[in-house]
């Protein structure tokens, strides 16, 4: 990517933040220094998120640039939703935690009495996640170096330092990682929300969550739906049907507007899709009102 294109992408991300022009200008200056750092010294920076948590910005991770440019990724509807929805004492599951941004936001929402299970099976990224947890001394976050699947066992994993790590199909040349199920990992928890961003393996993680997808289980799920599941034989439409059979339906959330279910035939407009258990909708809506 050329420097000019990098600046253009940077401006796009900066404009997504909710800050005034002065702050955006200062962020652009910082972004230019950051881009130069990525090409030369490649040193790790430390940045404060809007909830006060600290996060290390590793030049090797593209999410580091997004955090810097947007002032902490809080423009994302998922983070806005979780910060409103989660309460002290809640449990949250971050499936595909990467460097832990969602987990760090969730940690301050659930407080010391809550619990955040952060799953990341790529060893180098797991080290980044663990480092960010340690940096903040958040005892409520438990990093878990396992993949999420339909049943316990092992999986062949194509490791990538950035955001393309994924379960391999066929033999492959990746690393072998331990896998668990959501139900097994959360056997002692009453989970308030689950986020799944595991590069197309979401369907299998859902298959391992019978209890959490029951009437007495977790009412809120945020699931990445970018079509990656098709390479494993399970396209996004199958995930929608699977969840609908269990009483979960896609919903739309936008800050300042009422939470609502999508109408028949309406397609999600975001890459991460919010699913809510129908019988729990009013309870969820009251939390974020």
C-alpha atoms as a PDB file:
ATOM      1  CA  UNK A   1       0.000   0.000   0.000  1.00  0.00           C
ATOM      2  CA  UNK A   2       1.372   3.424  -0.950  1.00  0.00           C
ATOM      3  CA  UNK A   3       1.848   6.133   1.661  1.00  0.00           C
ATOM      4  CA  UNK A   4      -0.814   8.264  -0.084  1.00  0.00           C
ATOM      5  CA  UNK A   5      -3.331   5.418   0.099  1.00  0.00           C
ATOM      6  CA  UNK A   6      -2.420   4.826   3.738  1.00  0.00           C
ATOM      7  CA  UNK A   7      -3.180   8.474   4.529  1.00  0.00           C
ATOM      8  CA  UNK A   8      -6.494   8.244   2.661  1.00  0.00           C
ATOM      9  CA  UNK A   9      -7.496   5.159   4.669  1.00  0.00           C
ATOM     10  CA  UNK A  10      -6.338   6.876   7.832  1.00  0.00           C
ATOM     11  CA  UNK A  11      -8.532   9.915   7.175  1.00  0.00           C
ATOM     12  CA  UNK A  12     -11.507   7.640   6.635  1.00  0.00           C
ATOM     13  CA  UNK A  13     -11.035   5.983  10.007  1.00  0.00           C
ATOM     14  CA  UNK A  14     -10.374   9.259  11.838  1.00  0.00           C
ATOM     15  CA  UNK A  15     -13.603  10.713  10.452  1.00  0.00           C
ATOM     16  CA  UNK A  16     -15.532   7.818  11.992  1.00  0.00           C
ATOM     17  CA  UNK A  17     -14.656   8.995  15.496  1.00  0.00           C
ATOM     18  CA  UNK A  18     -16.964  11.272  17.482  1.00  0.00           C
ATOM     19  CA  UNK A  19     -14.291  13.857  18.306  1.00  0.00           C
ATOM     20  CA  UNK A  20     -14.159  17.517  17.336  1.00  0.00           C
ATOM     21  CA  UNK A  21     -11.980  18.879  14.516  1.00  0.00           C
ATOM     22  CA  UNK A  22      -9.094  19.851  16.825  1.00  0.00           C
ATOM     23  CA  UNK A  23      -8.800  16.356  18.266  1.00  0.00           C
ATOM     24  CA  UNK A  24      -9.120  14.774  14.832  1.00  0.00           C
ATOM     25  CA  UNK A  25      -6.312  17.018  13.571  1.00  0.00           C
ATOM     26  CA  UNK A  26      -4.080  15.991  16.473  1.00  0.00           C
ATOM     27  CA  UNK A  27      -4.915  12.363  15.752  1.00  0.00           C
ATOM     28  CA  UNK A  28      -3.934  12.818  12.104  1.00  0.00           C
ATOM     29  CA  UNK A  29      -0.523  14.134  13.185  1.00  0.00           C
ATOM     30  CA  UNK A  30      -0.126  11.133  15.496  1.00  0.00           C
ATOM     31  CA  UNK A  31      -1.219   8.846  12.660  1.00  0.00           C
ATOM     32  CA  UNK A  32       1.476  10.213  10.342  1.00  0.00           C
ATOM     33  CA  UNK A  33       4.115   9.536  13.007  1.00  0.00           C
ATOM     34  CA  UNK A  34       2.632   6.070  13.507  1.00  0.00           C
ATOM     35  CA  UNK A  35       2.789   5.277   9.786  1.00  0.00           C
ATOM     36  CA  UNK A  36       6.437   6.342   9.723  1.00  0.00           C
ATOM     37  CA  UNK A  37       7.079   4.186  12.797  1.00  0.00           C
ATOM     38  CA  UNK A  38       5.515   1.169  11.086  1.00  0.00           C
ATOM     39  CA  UNK A  39       7.911   1.537   8.165  1.00  0.00           C
ATOM     40  CA  UNK A  40      11.068   2.265  10.196  1.00  0.00           C
ATOM     41  CA  UNK A  41      11.530   1.686  13.927  1.00  0.00           C
ATOM     42  CA  UNK A  42       8.405  -0.494  14.339  1.00  0.00           C
ATOM     43  CA  UNK A  43       8.271   0.186  18.065  1.00  0.00           C
ATOM     44  CA  UNK A  44       5.239  -0.684  20.174  1.00  0.00           C
ATOM     45  CA  UNK A  45       3.214   2.232  21.549  1.00  0.00           C
ATOM     46  CA  UNK A  46       0.873   2.291  24.539  1.00  0.00           C
ATOM     47  CA  UNK A  47      -2.518   3.942  24.077  1.00  0.00           C
ATOM     48  CA  UNK A  48      -5.391   4.758  26.425  1.00  0.00           C
ATOM     49  CA  UNK A  49      -8.878   3.659  25.394  1.00  0.00           C
ATOM     50  CA  UNK A  50     -11.889   5.827  26.169  1.00  0.00           C
ATOM     51  CA  UNK A  51     -12.798   3.684  29.168  1.00  0.00           C
ATOM     52  CA  UNK A  52      -9.364   4.300  30.711  1.00  0.00           C
ATOM     53  CA  UNK A  53      -7.861   0.920  29.821  1.00  0.00           C
ATOM     54  CA  UNK A  54      -4.391   0.831  28.310  1.00  0.00           C
ATOM     55  CA  UNK A  55      -3.572  -1.150  25.172  1.00  0.00           C
ATOM     56  CA  UNK A  56      -0.280  -1.847  23.425  1.00  0.00           C
ATOM     57  CA  UNK A  57      -0.202  -0.870  19.755  1.00  0.00           C
ATOM     58  CA  UNK A  58       1.926  -3.406  17.913  1.00  0.00           C
ATOM     59  CA  UNK A  59       2.846  -2.209  14.391  1.00  0.00           C
ATOM     60  CA  UNK A  60       2.392  -5.775  13.133  1.00  0.00           C
ATOM     61  CA  UNK A  61      -1.334  -5.726  13.946  1.00  0.00           C
ATOM     62  CA  UNK A  62      -3.696  -3.764  11.691  1.00  0.00           C
ATOM     63  CA  UNK A  63      -6.118  -3.270  14.579  1.00  0.00           C
ATOM     64  CA  UNK A  64      -3.446  -1.103  16.259  1.00  0.00           C
ATOM     65  CA  UNK A  65      -3.864   1.501  13.512  1.00  0.00           C
ATOM     66  CA  UNK A  66      -7.654   1.404  13.843  1.00  0.00           C
ATOM     67  CA  UNK A  67      -7.405   1.966  17.596  1.00  0.00           C
ATOM     68  CA  UNK A  68      -5.103   4.945  17.118  1.00  0.00           C
ATOM     69  CA  UNK A  69      -7.040   6.541  14.268  1.00  0.00           C
ATOM     70  CA  UNK A  70     -10.494   6.245  15.852  1.00  0.00           C
ATOM     71  CA  UNK A  71      -9.516   7.056  19.402  1.00  0.00           C
ATOM     72  CA  UNK A  72     -10.076   3.529  20.629  1.00  0.00           C
ATOM     73  CA  UNK A  73     -12.520   1.811  18.238  1.00  0.00           C
ATOM     74  CA  UNK A  74     -15.458   3.153  20.246  1.00  0.00           C
ATOM     75  CA  UNK A  75     -17.117   4.173  16.962  1.00  0.00           C
ATOM     76  CA  UNK A  76     -17.960   0.489  16.511  1.00  0.00           C
ATOM     77  CA  UNK A  77     -21.600  -0.229  17.335  1.00  0.00           C
ATOM     78  CA  UNK A  78     -20.613  -3.463  19.077  1.00  0.00           C
ATOM     79  CA  UNK A  79     -18.479  -1.636  21.628  1.00  0.00           C
ATOM     80  CA  UNK A  80     -21.114   1.053  22.148  1.00  0.00           C
ATOM     81  CA  UNK A  81     -23.717  -1.656  22.686  1.00  0.00           C
ATOM     82  CA  UNK A  82     -21.619  -3.698  25.115  1.00  0.00           C
ATOM     83  CA  UNK A  83     -20.679  -0.657  27.186  1.00  0.00           C
ATOM     84  CA  UNK A  84     -24.396   0.092  27.654  1.00  0.00           C
ATOM     85  CA  UNK A  85     -25.637  -3.454  27.994  1.00  0.00           C
ATOM     86  CA  UNK A  86     -23.113  -5.105  30.306  1.00  0.00           C
ATOM     87  CA  UNK A  87     -23.538  -4.577  34.050  1.00  0.00           C
ATOM     88  CA  UNK A  88     -21.266  -5.054  37.085  1.00  0.00           C
ATOM     89  CA  UNK A  89     -21.088  -8.737  37.897  1.00  0.00           C
ATOM     90  CA  UNK A  90     -21.958  -9.905  34.373  1.00  0.00           C
ATOM     91  CA  UNK A  91     -20.035 -12.532  32.418  1.00  0.00           C
ATOM     92  CA  UNK A  92     -18.950 -11.875  28.829  1.00  0.00           C
ATOM     93  CA  UNK A  93     -17.320 -14.251  26.336  1.00  0.00           C
ATOM     94  CA  UNK A  94     -14.969 -12.841  23.704  1.00  0.00           C
ATOM     95  CA  UNK A  95     -14.511 -15.548  21.086  1.00  0.00           C
ATOM     96  CA  UNK A  96     -11.609 -14.548  18.851  1.00  0.00           C
ATOM     97  CA  UNK A  97     -10.360 -11.887  21.248  1.00  0.00           C
ATOM     98  CA  UNK A  98      -7.289 -10.961  19.173  1.00  0.00           C
ATOM     99  CA  UNK A  99      -5.350  -8.338  21.183  1.00  0.00           C
ATOM    100  CA  UNK A 100      -8.259  -7.860  23.588  1.00  0.00           C
ATOM    101  CA  UNK A 101      -9.903  -4.543  22.703  1.00  0.00           C
ATOM    102  CA  UNK A 102     -13.447  -5.860  23.214  1.00  0.00           C
ATOM    103  CA  UNK A 103     -12.354  -7.650  26.376  1.00  0.00           C
ATOM    104  CA  UNK A 104     -10.809  -4.473  27.791  1.00  0.00           C
ATOM    105  CA  UNK A 105     -14.001  -2.512  27.217  1.00  0.00           C
ATOM    106  CA  UNK A 106     -16.085  -5.332  28.673  1.00  0.00           C
ATOM    107  CA  UNK A 107     -13.826  -5.590  31.725  1.00  0.00           C
ATOM    108  CA  UNK A 108     -14.624  -2.083  32.947  1.00  0.00           C
ATOM    109  CA  UNK A 109     -18.340  -2.669  32.299  1.00  0.00           C
ATOM    110  CA  UNK A 110     -18.559  -5.899  34.326  1.00  0.00           C
ATOM    111  CA  UNK A 111     -16.176  -4.653  37.022  1.00  0.00           C
ATOM    112  CA  UNK A 112     -14.093  -6.602  39.504  1.00  0.00           C
ATOM    113  CA  UNK A 113     -17.036  -8.848  40.349  1.00  0.00           C
ATOM    114  CA  UNK A 114     -17.644  -9.824  36.733  1.00  0.00           C
ATOM    115  CA  UNK A 115     -15.926 -12.217  34.362  1.00  0.00           C
ATOM    116  CA  UNK A 116     -14.544 -11.946  30.829  1.00  0.00           C
ATOM    117  CA  UNK A 117     -13.433 -15.127  29.062  1.00  0.00           C
ATOM    118  CA  UNK A 118     -11.142 -14.173  26.175  1.00  0.00           C
ATOM    119  CA  UNK A 119     -10.423 -16.944  23.663  1.00  0.00           C
ATOM    120  CA  UNK A 120      -7.415 -16.571  21.356  1.00  0.00           C
ATOM    121  CA  UNK A 121      -5.536 -19.638  20.139  1.00  0.00           C
ATOM    122  CA  UNK A 122      -2.855 -18.052  17.885  1.00  0.00           C
ATOM    123  CA  UNK A 123       0.223 -18.081  20.168  1.00  0.00           C
ATOM    124  CA  UNK A 124       1.739 -14.724  19.213  1.00  0.00           C
ATOM    125  CA  UNK A 125      -1.572 -12.894  19.342  1.00  0.00           C
ATOM    126  CA  UNK A 126      -2.390 -14.646  22.618  1.00  0.00           C
ATOM    127  CA  UNK A 127       0.810 -13.106  23.991  1.00  0.00           C
ATOM    128  CA  UNK A 128      -0.466  -9.675  22.899  1.00  0.00           C
ATOM    129  CA  UNK A 129      -3.810 -10.354  24.599  1.00  0.00           C
ATOM    130  CA  UNK A 130      -2.177 -11.532  27.814  1.00  0.00           C
ATOM    131  CA  UNK A 131       0.159  -8.537  27.773  1.00  0.00           C
ATOM    132  CA  UNK A 132      -2.753  -6.097  27.541  1.00  0.00           C
ATOM    133  CA  UNK A 133      -4.584  -7.856  30.366  1.00  0.00           C
ATOM    134  CA  UNK A 134      -1.463  -7.709  32.525  1.00  0.00           C
ATOM    135  CA  UNK A 135      -0.849  -4.078  31.623  1.00  0.00           C
ATOM    136  CA  UNK A 136      -4.213  -3.193  33.156  1.00  0.00           C
ATOM    137  CA  UNK A 137      -4.087  -5.743  35.988  1.00  0.00           C
ATOM    138  CA  UNK A 138      -7.616  -6.836  35.158  1.00  0.00           C
ATOM    139  CA  UNK A 139      -8.241  -9.933  37.270  1.00  0.00           C
ATOM    140  CA  UNK A 140     -11.742 -10.218  35.782  1.00  0.00           C
ATOM    141  CA  UNK A 141     -10.311 -11.115  32.357  1.00  0.00           C
ATOM    142  CA  UNK A 142      -9.262 -14.728  31.869  1.00  0.00           C
ATOM    143  CA  UNK A 143      -7.289 -15.239  28.626  1.00  0.00           C
ATOM    144  CA  UNK A 144      -7.845 -18.734  27.239  1.00  0.00           C
ATOM    145  CA  UNK A 145      -5.404 -20.168  24.667  1.00  0.00           C
ATOM    146  CA  UNK A 146      -7.956 -22.442  23.009  1.00  0.00           C
ATOM    147  CA  UNK A 147     -10.071 -22.512  19.877  1.00  0.00           C
ATOM    148  CA  UNK A 148     -13.867 -22.761  20.055  1.00  0.00           C
ATOM    149  CA  UNK A 149     -15.443 -25.712  18.279  1.00  0.00           C
ATOM    150  CA  UNK A 150     -18.430 -28.080  18.225  1.00  0.00           C
ATOM    151  CA  UNK A 151     -16.631 -30.552  20.488  1.00  0.00           C
ATOM    152  CA  UNK A 152     -13.416 -30.698  22.534  1.00  0.00           C
ATOM    153  CA  UNK A 153     -10.259 -31.900  20.814  1.00  0.00           C
ATOM    154  CA  UNK A 154      -7.564 -30.405  18.611  1.00  0.00           C
ATOM    155  CA  UNK A 155      -7.667 -28.377  15.405  1.00  0.00           C
ATOM    156  CA  UNK A 156      -5.117 -27.555  12.738  1.00  0.00           C
ATOM    157  CA  UNK A 157      -4.730 -23.786  12.735  1.00  0.00           C
ATOM    158  CA  UNK A 158      -3.202 -21.495  10.099  1.00  0.00           C
ATOM    159  CA  UNK A 159      -1.360 -19.045  12.312  1.00  0.00           C
ATOM    160  CA  UNK A 160      -1.038 -15.431  11.245  1.00  0.00           C
ATOM    161  CA  UNK A 161       0.205 -12.535  13.360  1.00  0.00           C
ATOM    162  CA  UNK A 162      -2.593 -10.336  12.076  1.00  0.00           C
ATOM    163  CA  UNK A 163      -6.315 -10.978  11.514  1.00  0.00           C
ATOM    164  CA  UNK A 164      -6.224 -13.888   9.044  1.00  0.00           C
ATOM    165  CA  UNK A 165      -5.646 -16.730  11.510  1.00  0.00           C
ATOM    166  CA  UNK A 166      -8.153 -19.500  10.832  1.00  0.00           C
ATOM    167  CA  UNK A 167      -8.902 -23.195  11.183  1.00  0.00           C
ATOM    168  CA  UNK A 168      -7.433 -25.087   8.246  1.00  0.00           C
ATOM    169  CA  UNK A 169      -9.387 -27.394   5.972  1.00  0.00           C
ATOM    170  CA  UNK A 170      -7.565 -30.578   4.959  1.00  0.00           C
ATOM    171  CA  UNK A 171      -4.068 -31.413   6.164  1.00  0.00           C
ATOM    172  CA  UNK A 172      -2.446 -27.984   5.905  1.00  0.00           C
ATOM    173  CA  UNK A 173       0.819 -26.872   7.439  1.00  0.00           C
ATOM    174  CA  UNK A 174      -0.466 -24.894  10.398  1.00  0.00           C
ATOM    175  CA  UNK A 175      -0.066 -25.458  14.096  1.00  0.00           C
ATOM    176  CA  UNK A 176      -2.124 -27.796  16.254  1.00  0.00           C
ATOM    177  CA  UNK A 177      -4.231 -26.049  18.906  1.00  0.00           C
ATOM    178  CA  UNK A 178      -6.470 -27.292  21.688  1.00  0.00           C
ATOM    179  CA  UNK A 179     -10.199 -26.756  21.183  1.00  0.00           C
ATOM    180  CA  UNK A 180     -13.069 -26.576  23.643  1.00  0.00           C
ATOM    181  CA  UNK A 181     -16.777 -25.813  23.508  1.00  0.00           C
ATOM    182  CA  UNK A 182     -18.567 -22.758  24.809  1.00  0.00           C
ATOM    183  CA  UNK A 183     -20.731 -24.899  27.077  1.00  0.00           C
ATOM    184  CA  UNK A 184     -17.706 -26.616  28.595  1.00  0.00           C
ATOM    185  CA  UNK A 185     -15.856 -23.329  29.137  1.00  0.00           C
ATOM    186  CA  UNK A 186     -18.868 -21.572  30.661  1.00  0.00           C
ATOM    187  CA  UNK A 187     -20.291 -24.402  32.746  1.00  0.00           C
ATOM    188  CA  UNK A 188     -20.229 -22.313  35.951  1.00  0.00           C
ATOM    189  CA  UNK A 189     -21.153 -18.973  34.395  1.00  0.00           C
ATOM    190  CA  UNK A 190     -24.403 -17.166  33.642  1.00  0.00           C
ATOM    191  CA  UNK A 191     -23.278 -15.428  30.473  1.00  0.00           C
ATOM    192  CA  UNK A 192     -24.832 -12.078  29.520  1.00  0.00           C
ATOM    193  CA  UNK A 193     -23.312 -11.802  26.038  1.00  0.00           C
ATOM    194  CA  UNK A 194     -21.046 -13.655  23.603  1.00  0.00           C
ATOM    195  CA  UNK A 195     -19.020 -12.194  20.738  1.00  0.00           C
ATOM    196  CA  UNK A 196     -17.806 -14.602  18.037  1.00  0.00           C
ATOM    197  CA  UNK A 197     -15.273 -13.419  15.463  1.00  0.00           C
ATOM    198  CA  UNK A 198     -13.376 -16.559  14.502  1.00  0.00           C
ATOM    199  CA  UNK A 199     -12.923 -16.270  10.746  1.00  0.00           C
ATOM    200  CA  UNK A 200     -15.711 -18.514   9.501  1.00  0.00           C
ATOM    201  CA  UNK A 201     -15.720 -21.095  12.308  1.00  0.00           C
ATOM    202  CA  UNK A 202     -18.638 -19.434  14.106  1.00  0.00           C
ATOM    203  CA  UNK A 203     -21.126 -22.160  13.150  1.00  0.00           C
ATOM    204  CA  UNK A 204     -19.043 -24.829  14.881  1.00  0.00           C
ATOM    205  CA  UNK A 205     -18.677 -22.707  18.012  1.00  0.00           C
ATOM    206  CA  UNK A 206     -22.468 -22.299  18.089  1.00  0.00           C
ATOM    207  CA  UNK A 207     -22.902 -26.072  17.725  1.00  0.00           C
ATOM    208  CA  UNK A 208     -20.942 -26.430  20.952  1.00  0.00           C
ATOM    209  CA  UNK A 209     -23.233 -24.057  22.854  1.00  0.00           C
ATOM    210  CA  UNK A 210     -26.467 -25.997  23.403  1.00  0.00           C
ATOM    211  CA  UNK A 211     -26.863 -24.779  26.984  1.00  0.00           C
ATOM    212  CA  UNK A 212     -25.959 -21.180  26.209  1.00  0.00           C
ATOM    213  CA  UNK A 213     -28.472 -21.165  23.354  1.00  0.00           C
ATOM    214  CA  UNK A 214     -31.289 -22.508  25.526  1.00  0.00           C
ATOM    215  CA  UNK A 215     -34.056 -20.434  27.095  1.00  0.00           C
ATOM    216  CA  UNK A 216     -32.044 -20.116  30.313  1.00  0.00           C
ATOM    217  CA  UNK A 217     -28.767 -19.389  28.542  1.00  0.00           C
ATOM    218  CA  UNK A 218     -27.169 -16.293  27.023  1.00  0.00           C
ATOM    219  CA  UNK A 219     -29.665 -13.790  25.492  1.00  0.00           C
ATOM    220  CA  UNK A 220     -27.219 -11.741  23.371  1.00  0.00           C
ATOM    221  CA  UNK A 221     -24.834 -12.913  20.640  1.00  0.00           C
ATOM    222  CA  UNK A 222     -22.649 -10.847  18.326  1.00  0.00           C
ATOM    223  CA  UNK A 223     -21.546 -13.018  15.412  1.00  0.00           C
ATOM    224  CA  UNK A 224     -19.242 -12.129  12.536  1.00  0.00           C
ATOM    225  CA  UNK A 225     -20.918 -12.849   9.200  1.00  0.00           C
ATOM    226  CA  UNK A 226     -18.631 -12.130   6.272  1.00  0.00           C
ATOM    227  CA  UNK A 227     -19.249 -15.309   4.341  1.00  0.00           C
ATOM    228  CA  UNK A 228     -16.081 -17.031   5.578  1.00  0.00           C
ATOM    229  CA  UNK A 229     -18.107 -19.977   6.881  1.00  0.00           C
ATOM    230  CA  UNK A 230     -18.826 -21.105   3.321  1.00  0.00           C
ATOM    231  CA  UNK A 231     -15.361 -22.636   3.028  1.00  0.00           C
ATOM    232  CA  UNK A 232     -16.314 -24.932   5.931  1.00  0.00           C
ATOM    233  CA  UNK A 233     -19.661 -25.792   4.333  1.00  0.00           C
ATOM    234  CA  UNK A 234     -21.764 -23.447   6.455  1.00  0.00           C
ATOM    235  CA  UNK A 235     -22.699 -20.112   4.800  1.00  0.00           C
ATOM    236  CA  UNK A 236     -24.080 -17.179   6.763  1.00  0.00           C
ATOM    237  CA  UNK A 237     -27.708 -18.028   5.954  1.00  0.00           C
ATOM    238  CA  UNK A 238     -27.266 -21.346   7.716  1.00  0.00           C
ATOM    239  CA  UNK A 239     -26.126 -19.545  10.868  1.00  0.00           C
ATOM    240  CA  UNK A 240     -29.238 -17.348  10.720  1.00  0.00           C
ATOM    241  CA  UNK A 241     -31.474 -20.431  10.372  1.00  0.00           C
ATOM    242  CA  UNK A 242     -29.606 -22.282  13.116  1.00  0.00           C
ATOM    243  CA  UNK A 243     -30.103 -19.426  15.562  1.00  0.00           C
ATOM    244  CA  UNK A 244     -33.716 -18.791  14.521  1.00  0.00           C
ATOM    245  CA  UNK A 245     -34.575 -22.419  15.306  1.00  0.00           C
ATOM    246  CA  UNK A 246     -33.399 -21.701  18.845  1.00  0.00           C
ATOM    247  CA  UNK A 247     -35.312 -18.447  19.223  1.00  0.00           C
ATOM    248  CA  UNK A 248     -32.566 -15.960  18.323  1.00  0.00           C
ATOM    249  CA  UNK A 249     -33.174 -13.333  15.650  1.00  0.00           C
ATOM    250  CA  UNK A 250     -31.014 -10.580  14.097  1.00  0.00           C
ATOM    251  CA  UNK A 251     -31.484  -7.113  15.513  1.00  0.00           C
ATOM    252  CA  UNK A 252     -30.361  -3.588  14.650  1.00  0.00           C
ATOM    253  CA  UNK A 253     -28.663  -1.343  17.181  1.00  0.00           C
ATOM    254  CA  UNK A 254     -27.635   2.245  16.567  1.00  0.00           C
ATOM    255  CA  UNK A 255     -26.709   4.634  19.354  1.00  0.00           C
ATOM    256  CA  UNK A 256     -29.572   7.044  20.037  1.00  0.00           C
ATOM    257  CA  UNK A 257     -32.167   4.846  18.337  1.00  0.00           C
ATOM    258  CA  UNK A 258     -34.466   2.134  19.647  1.00  0.00           C
ATOM    259  CA  UNK A 259     -33.273  -1.438  19.553  1.00  0.00           C
ATOM    260  CA  UNK A 260     -35.343  -3.467  17.072  1.00  0.00           C
ATOM    261  CA  UNK A 261     -35.483  -6.807  15.331  1.00  0.00           C
ATOM    262  CA  UNK A 262     -34.814  -6.764  11.590  1.00  0.00           C
ATOM    263  CA  UNK A 263     -37.963  -7.053   9.528  1.00  0.00           C
ATOM    264  CA  UNK A 264     -38.652 -10.038   7.276  1.00  0.00           C
ATOM    265  CA  UNK A 265     -36.380  -9.810   4.250  1.00  0.00           C
ATOM    266  CA  UNK A 266     -34.191  -7.076   5.778  1.00  0.00           C
ATOM    267  CA  UNK A 267     -30.498  -7.890   5.540  1.00  0.00           C
ATOM    268  CA  UNK A 268     -27.897  -6.972   8.174  1.00  0.00           C
ATOM    269  CA  UNK A 269     -25.769  -3.993   7.164  1.00  0.00           C
ATOM    270  CA  UNK A 270     -22.825  -4.702   9.483  1.00  0.00           C
ATOM    271  CA  UNK A 271     -20.176  -7.419   9.349  1.00  0.00           C
ATOM    272  CA  UNK A 272     -20.855  -8.357  12.968  1.00  0.00           C
ATOM    273  CA  UNK A 273     -24.529  -9.188  13.492  1.00  0.00           C
ATOM    274  CA  UNK A 274     -26.456  -8.838  16.737  1.00  0.00           C
ATOM    275  CA  UNK A 275     -28.756 -11.746  17.646  1.00  0.00           C
ATOM    276  CA  UNK A 276     -31.169 -11.523  20.577  1.00  0.00           C
ATOM    277  CA  UNK A 277     -33.281 -14.234  22.165  1.00  0.00           C
ATOM    278  CA  UNK A 278     -36.850 -13.231  21.323  1.00  0.00           C
ATOM    279  CA  UNK A 279     -38.280 -13.833  24.782  1.00  0.00           C
ATOM    280  CA  UNK A 280     -35.502 -11.702  26.331  1.00  0.00           C
ATOM    281  CA  UNK A 281     -35.819  -8.743  23.946  1.00  0.00           C
ATOM    282  CA  UNK A 282     -37.607  -6.402  26.375  1.00  0.00           C
ATOM    283  CA  UNK A 283     -35.092  -7.157  29.110  1.00  0.00           C
ATOM    284  CA  UNK A 284     -32.182  -6.419  26.759  1.00  0.00           C
ATOM    285  CA  UNK A 285     -33.835  -3.212  25.484  1.00  0.00           C
ATOM    286  CA  UNK A 286     -34.364  -1.969  29.059  1.00  0.00           C
ATOM    287  CA  UNK A 287     -30.694  -2.410  29.815  1.00  0.00           C
ATOM    288  CA  UNK A 288     -29.556  -0.153  26.995  1.00  0.00           C
ATOM    289  CA  UNK A 289     -32.364   2.413  27.202  1.00  0.00           C
END
